[in-house]
C-alpha atoms as a PDB file:
ATOM      1  CA  UNK A   1       8.780  -7.080   0.101  1.00  0.00           C
ATOM      2  CA  UNK A   2       8.220  -5.031  -2.802  1.00  0.00           C
ATOM      3  CA  UNK A   3       7.663  -1.393  -2.959  1.00  0.00           C
ATOM      4  CA  UNK A   4       6.763   1.107  -5.779  1.00  0.00           C
ATOM      5  CA  UNK A   5       7.791   4.542  -5.995  1.00  0.00           C
ATOM      6  CA  UNK A   6       5.948   6.760  -8.331  1.00  0.00           C
ATOM      7  CA  UNK A   7       7.377  10.186  -8.195  1.00  0.00           C
ATOM      8  CA  UNK A   8       8.400  12.322 -11.329  1.00  0.00           C
ATOM      9  CA  UNK A   9      11.161  14.083  -9.736  1.00  0.00           C
ATOM     10  CA  UNK A  10      13.957  12.193  -9.917  1.00  0.00           C
ATOM     11  CA  UNK A  11      16.108  13.801  -6.625  1.00  0.00           C
ATOM     12  CA  UNK A  12      12.850  13.157  -4.438  1.00  0.00           C
ATOM     13  CA  UNK A  13      12.334   9.668  -5.848  1.00  0.00           C
ATOM     14  CA  UNK A  14      16.107   8.727  -5.117  1.00  0.00           C
ATOM     15  CA  UNK A  15      15.921  10.415  -1.728  1.00  0.00           C
ATOM     16  CA  UNK A  16      12.820   7.974  -0.778  1.00  0.00           C
ATOM     17  CA  UNK A  17      14.915   4.725  -2.125  1.00  0.00           C
ATOM     18  CA  UNK A  18      17.773   5.891  -0.220  1.00  0.00           C
ATOM     19  CA  UNK A  19      15.969   6.227   2.931  1.00  0.00           C
ATOM     20  CA  UNK A  20      13.795   3.094   2.286  1.00  0.00           C
ATOM     21  CA  UNK A  21      17.106   0.863   2.040  1.00  0.00           C
ATOM     22  CA  UNK A  22      17.626   1.720   5.535  1.00  0.00           C
ATOM     23  CA  UNK A  23      14.392   0.313   6.758  1.00  0.00           C
ATOM     24  CA  UNK A  24      14.149  -2.855   5.123  1.00  0.00           C
ATOM     25  CA  UNK A  25      15.889  -5.315   2.439  1.00  0.00           C
ATOM     26  CA  UNK A  26      13.885  -5.925  -0.368  1.00  0.00           C
ATOM     27  CA  UNK A  27      12.830  -4.601  -4.286  1.00  0.00           C
ATOM     28  CA  UNK A  28      12.021  -0.934  -4.509  1.00  0.00           C
ATOM     29  CA  UNK A  29      11.387   0.130  -8.189  1.00  0.00           C
ATOM     30  CA  UNK A  30      11.044   3.795  -9.294  1.00  0.00           C
ATOM     31  CA  UNK A  31       8.594   5.034 -12.289  1.00  0.00           C
ATOM     32  CA  UNK A  32       8.333   8.406 -13.270  1.00  0.00           C
ATOM     33  CA  UNK A  33       5.298   8.510 -15.195  1.00  0.00           C
ATOM     34  CA  UNK A  34       1.949   7.108 -13.983  1.00  0.00           C
ATOM     35  CA  UNK A  35       1.636   5.367 -17.347  1.00  0.00           C
ATOM     36  CA  UNK A  36       4.133   2.674 -16.266  1.00  0.00           C
ATOM     37  CA  UNK A  37       2.275   1.925 -12.976  1.00  0.00           C
ATOM     38  CA  UNK A  38      -0.436  -0.563 -13.960  1.00  0.00           C
ATOM     39  CA  UNK A  39       2.173  -2.632 -16.042  1.00  0.00           C
ATOM     40  CA  UNK A  40       4.232  -3.030 -13.176  1.00  0.00           C
ATOM     41  CA  UNK A  41       1.593  -4.003 -10.744  1.00  0.00           C
ATOM     42  CA  UNK A  42       0.207  -6.346 -12.963  1.00  0.00           C
ATOM     43  CA  UNK A  43       3.283  -8.093 -13.560  1.00  0.00           C
ATOM     44  CA  UNK A  44       5.064  -7.871  -9.868  1.00  0.00           C
ATOM     45  CA  UNK A  45       2.728  -7.750  -7.154  1.00  0.00           C
ATOM     46  CA  UNK A  46       3.424  -4.590  -4.907  1.00  0.00           C
ATOM     47  CA  UNK A  47       2.996  -4.581  -1.334  1.00  0.00           C
ATOM     48  CA  UNK A  48       3.137  -1.062  -0.751  1.00  0.00           C
ATOM     49  CA  UNK A  49       3.315   1.957  -3.257  1.00  0.00           C
ATOM     50  CA  UNK A  50       4.650   5.404  -2.797  1.00  0.00           C
ATOM     51  CA  UNK A  51       2.574   7.713  -4.904  1.00  0.00           C
ATOM     52  CA  UNK A  52       3.152  11.431  -5.720  1.00  0.00           C
ATOM     53  CA  UNK A  53      -0.415  13.191  -6.380  1.00  0.00           C
ATOM     54  CA  UNK A  54       1.133  15.687  -8.955  1.00  0.00           C
ATOM     55  CA  UNK A  55       2.431  13.666 -11.850  1.00  0.00           C
ATOM     56  CA  UNK A  56       3.139  14.806 -15.291  1.00  0.00           C
ATOM     57  CA  UNK A  57       0.923  12.346 -17.306  1.00  0.00           C
ATOM     58  CA  UNK A  58      -1.639  11.946 -15.069  1.00  0.00           C
ATOM     59  CA  UNK A  59      -2.864  13.073 -11.308  1.00  0.00           C
ATOM     60  CA  UNK A  60      -2.258  10.415  -8.680  1.00  0.00           C
ATOM     61  CA  UNK A  61      -6.160  10.394  -7.639  1.00  0.00           C
ATOM     62  CA  UNK A  62      -7.170   9.376 -11.257  1.00  0.00           C
ATOM     63  CA  UNK A  63      -4.166   6.897 -11.107  1.00  0.00           C
ATOM     64  CA  UNK A  64      -5.080   5.256  -7.645  1.00  0.00           C
ATOM     65  CA  UNK A  65      -8.807   5.175  -8.326  1.00  0.00           C
ATOM     66  CA  UNK A  66      -8.308   3.582 -11.999  1.00  0.00           C
ATOM     67  CA  UNK A  67      -5.925   0.990 -11.021  1.00  0.00           C
ATOM     68  CA  UNK A  68      -7.860  -2.601 -11.202  1.00  0.00           C
ATOM     69  CA  UNK A  69      -8.690  -4.066  -7.811  1.00  0.00           C
ATOM     70  CA  UNK A  70      -6.647  -7.141  -8.716  1.00  0.00           C
ATOM     71  CA  UNK A  71      -3.386  -5.072  -9.583  1.00  0.00           C
ATOM     72  CA  UNK A  72      -3.471  -2.697  -6.355  1.00  0.00           C
ATOM     73  CA  UNK A  73      -0.920  -2.676  -3.911  1.00  0.00           C
ATOM     74  CA  UNK A  74      -1.710  -3.975  -0.229  1.00  0.00           C
ATOM     75  CA  UNK A  75      -0.994  -0.433   1.046  1.00  0.00           C
ATOM     76  CA  UNK A  76      -0.416   2.941  -0.528  1.00  0.00           C
ATOM     77  CA  UNK A  77       1.200   5.919   0.866  1.00  0.00           C
ATOM     78  CA  UNK A  78       0.439   9.285  -0.855  1.00  0.00           C
ATOM     79  CA  UNK A  79       3.482  11.676  -1.198  1.00  0.00           C
ATOM     80  CA  UNK A  80       2.681  15.636  -1.957  1.00  0.00           C
ATOM     81  CA  UNK A  81       4.249  19.057  -1.455  1.00  0.00           C
ATOM     82  CA  UNK A  82       0.567  20.472  -2.006  1.00  0.00           C
ATOM     83  CA  UNK A  83      -1.422  21.433   0.445  1.00  0.00           C
ATOM     84  CA  UNK A  84      -2.835  19.111   3.026  1.00  0.00           C
ATOM     85  CA  UNK A  85      -6.577  19.743   2.051  1.00  0.00           C
ATOM     86  CA  UNK A  86      -5.596  18.117  -1.341  1.00  0.00           C
ATOM     87  CA  UNK A  87      -3.604  15.245   0.424  1.00  0.00           C
ATOM     88  CA  UNK A  88      -6.839  14.735   2.585  1.00  0.00           C
ATOM     89  CA  UNK A  89      -8.873  14.357  -0.418  1.00  0.00           C
ATOM     90  CA  UNK A  90      -6.629  11.753  -2.029  1.00  0.00           C
ATOM     91  CA  UNK A  91      -6.216   9.911   1.587  1.00  0.00           C
ATOM     92  CA  UNK A  92     -10.335   9.710   1.603  1.00  0.00           C
ATOM     93  CA  UNK A  93     -10.805   8.665  -1.995  1.00  0.00           C
ATOM     94  CA  UNK A  94      -8.083   6.025  -1.390  1.00  0.00           C
ATOM     95  CA  UNK A  95     -10.087   4.621   1.433  1.00  0.00           C
ATOM     96  CA  UNK A  96     -13.575   4.931  -0.615  1.00  0.00           C
ATOM     97  CA  UNK A  97     -11.960   2.939  -3.416  1.00  0.00           C
ATOM     98  CA  UNK A  98     -11.090   0.045  -0.968  1.00  0.00           C
ATOM     99  CA  UNK A  99      -7.638   0.265  -0.239  1.00  0.00           C
ATOM    100  CA  UNK A 100      -6.629  -1.264   3.036  1.00  0.00           C
ATOM    101  CA  UNK A 101      -3.858   0.805   4.206  1.00  0.00           C
ATOM    102  CA  UNK A 102      -3.558   4.564   3.339  1.00  0.00           C
ATOM    103  CA  UNK A 103      -0.940   6.902   4.688  1.00  0.00           C
ATOM    104  CA  UNK A 104      -0.276  10.304   3.675  1.00  0.00           C
ATOM    105  CA  UNK A 105       3.099  12.334   3.904  1.00  0.00           C
ATOM    106  CA  UNK A 106       4.036  15.675   2.937  1.00  0.00           C
ATOM    107  CA  UNK A 107       7.463  16.483   1.102  1.00  0.00           C
ATOM    108  CA  UNK A 108      10.051  16.336   2.486  1.00  0.00           C
ATOM    109  CA  UNK A 109      10.002  12.914   3.939  1.00  0.00           C
ATOM    110  CA  UNK A 110      11.990  12.354   7.124  1.00  0.00           C
ATOM    111  CA  UNK A 111      13.349   8.839   8.263  1.00  0.00           C
ATOM    112  CA  UNK A 112      11.295   8.779  11.175  1.00  0.00           C
ATOM    113  CA  UNK A 113       8.092   9.348   9.451  1.00  0.00           C
ATOM    114  CA  UNK A 114       8.921   6.257   6.954  1.00  0.00           C
ATOM    115  CA  UNK A 115      10.048   4.333   9.791  1.00  0.00           C
ATOM    116  CA  UNK A 116       6.547   5.162  11.555  1.00  0.00           C
ATOM    117  CA  UNK A 117       4.638   4.365   8.260  1.00  0.00           C
ATOM    118  CA  UNK A 118       6.889   0.710   7.768  1.00  0.00           C
ATOM    119  CA  UNK A 119       5.731  -0.424  11.585  1.00  0.00           C
ATOM    120  CA  UNK A 120       1.982   0.446  11.009  1.00  0.00           C
ATOM    121  CA  UNK A 121       2.136  -1.448   7.490  1.00  0.00           C
ATOM    122  CA  UNK A 122       3.995  -4.639   9.248  1.00  0.00           C
ATOM    123  CA  UNK A 123       1.433  -4.472  11.717  1.00  0.00           C
ATOM    124  CA  UNK A 124      -1.649  -4.194   9.181  1.00  0.00           C
ATOM    125  CA  UNK A 125      -0.170  -7.023   7.113  1.00  0.00           C
ATOM    126  CA  UNK A 126       0.286  -9.255  10.480  1.00  0.00           C
ATOM    127  CA  UNK A 127      -3.232  -8.459  11.276  1.00  0.00           C
ATOM    128  CA  UNK A 128      -4.631  -9.292   7.410  1.00  0.00           C
ATOM    129  CA  UNK A 129      -2.468 -12.541   7.703  1.00  0.00           C
ATOM    130  CA  UNK A 130      -4.533 -13.550  10.863  1.00  0.00           C
ATOM    131  CA  UNK A 131      -7.841 -12.579   9.806  1.00  0.00           C
ATOM    132  CA  UNK A 132      -7.507 -14.156   6.114  1.00  0.00           C
ATOM    133  CA  UNK A 133      -6.471 -17.560   7.617  1.00  0.00           C
ATOM    134  CA  UNK A 134      -8.922 -20.184   6.876  1.00  0.00           C
ATOM    135  CA  UNK A 135     -10.445 -22.346   9.311  1.00  0.00           C
ATOM    136  CA  UNK A 136     -10.751 -25.987   7.940  1.00  0.00           C
ATOM    137  CA  UNK A 137     -13.034 -28.551   9.605  1.00  0.00           C
ATOM    138  CA  UNK A 138     -13.452 -31.738   8.002  1.00  0.00           C
ATOM    139  CA  UNK A 139     -17.228 -33.665   8.512  1.00  0.00           C
ATOM    140  CA  UNK A 140     -15.745 -35.621  11.861  1.00  0.00           C
ATOM    141  CA  UNK A 141     -14.841 -32.130  13.402  1.00  0.00           C
ATOM    142  CA  UNK A 142     -18.012 -30.627  12.745  1.00  0.00           C
ATOM    143  CA  UNK A 143     -19.889 -33.801  14.112  1.00  0.00           C
ATOM    144  CA  UNK A 144     -17.900 -33.502  17.009  1.00  0.00           C
ATOM    145  CA  UNK A 145     -18.422 -29.966  17.538  1.00  0.00           C
ATOM    146  CA  UNK A 146     -22.020 -30.624  17.623  1.00  0.00           C
ATOM    147  CA  UNK A 147     -21.875 -33.380  19.624  1.00  0.00           C
ATOM    148  CA  UNK A 148     -19.846 -31.591  22.146  1.00  0.00           C
ATOM    149  CA  UNK A 149     -21.916 -28.172  22.328  1.00  0.00           C
ATOM    150  CA  UNK A 150     -19.105 -26.278  20.451  1.00  0.00           C
ATOM    151  CA  UNK A 151     -21.552 -24.278  18.459  1.00  0.00           C
ATOM    152  CA  UNK A 152     -23.757 -21.912  20.992  1.00  0.00           C
END
């Protein structure tokens, strides 16, 4: 699993990385500026992005809404020390923009909160895999299906 942490506060980013390392084995990349996100997402597919709303060069809302659909992570977790109202607006924007898995955390972040999000994300990715499996049928199977009345 590839995780991207977008957090300008180096202490918060390091703490989040330590907590995440306790939950899974995979790649965790930290960036401190929003300008770096597009390049990373385009060159290394990101499964789950933890994104601060208040970045020095761009706000998280603009960053997430302007990220090309082909470069978007499978899931995004919004991070903020701001009011719950701002977090809810960002959360709803992400859903409207088509992000499939969206969660929000207010700082400080606990191990228990991350564990819950990871469990939810694992479930989401499993369900996504099941839904996206193609059903392939050849000409003979289709003929048999019609002959046997499999299509109702």
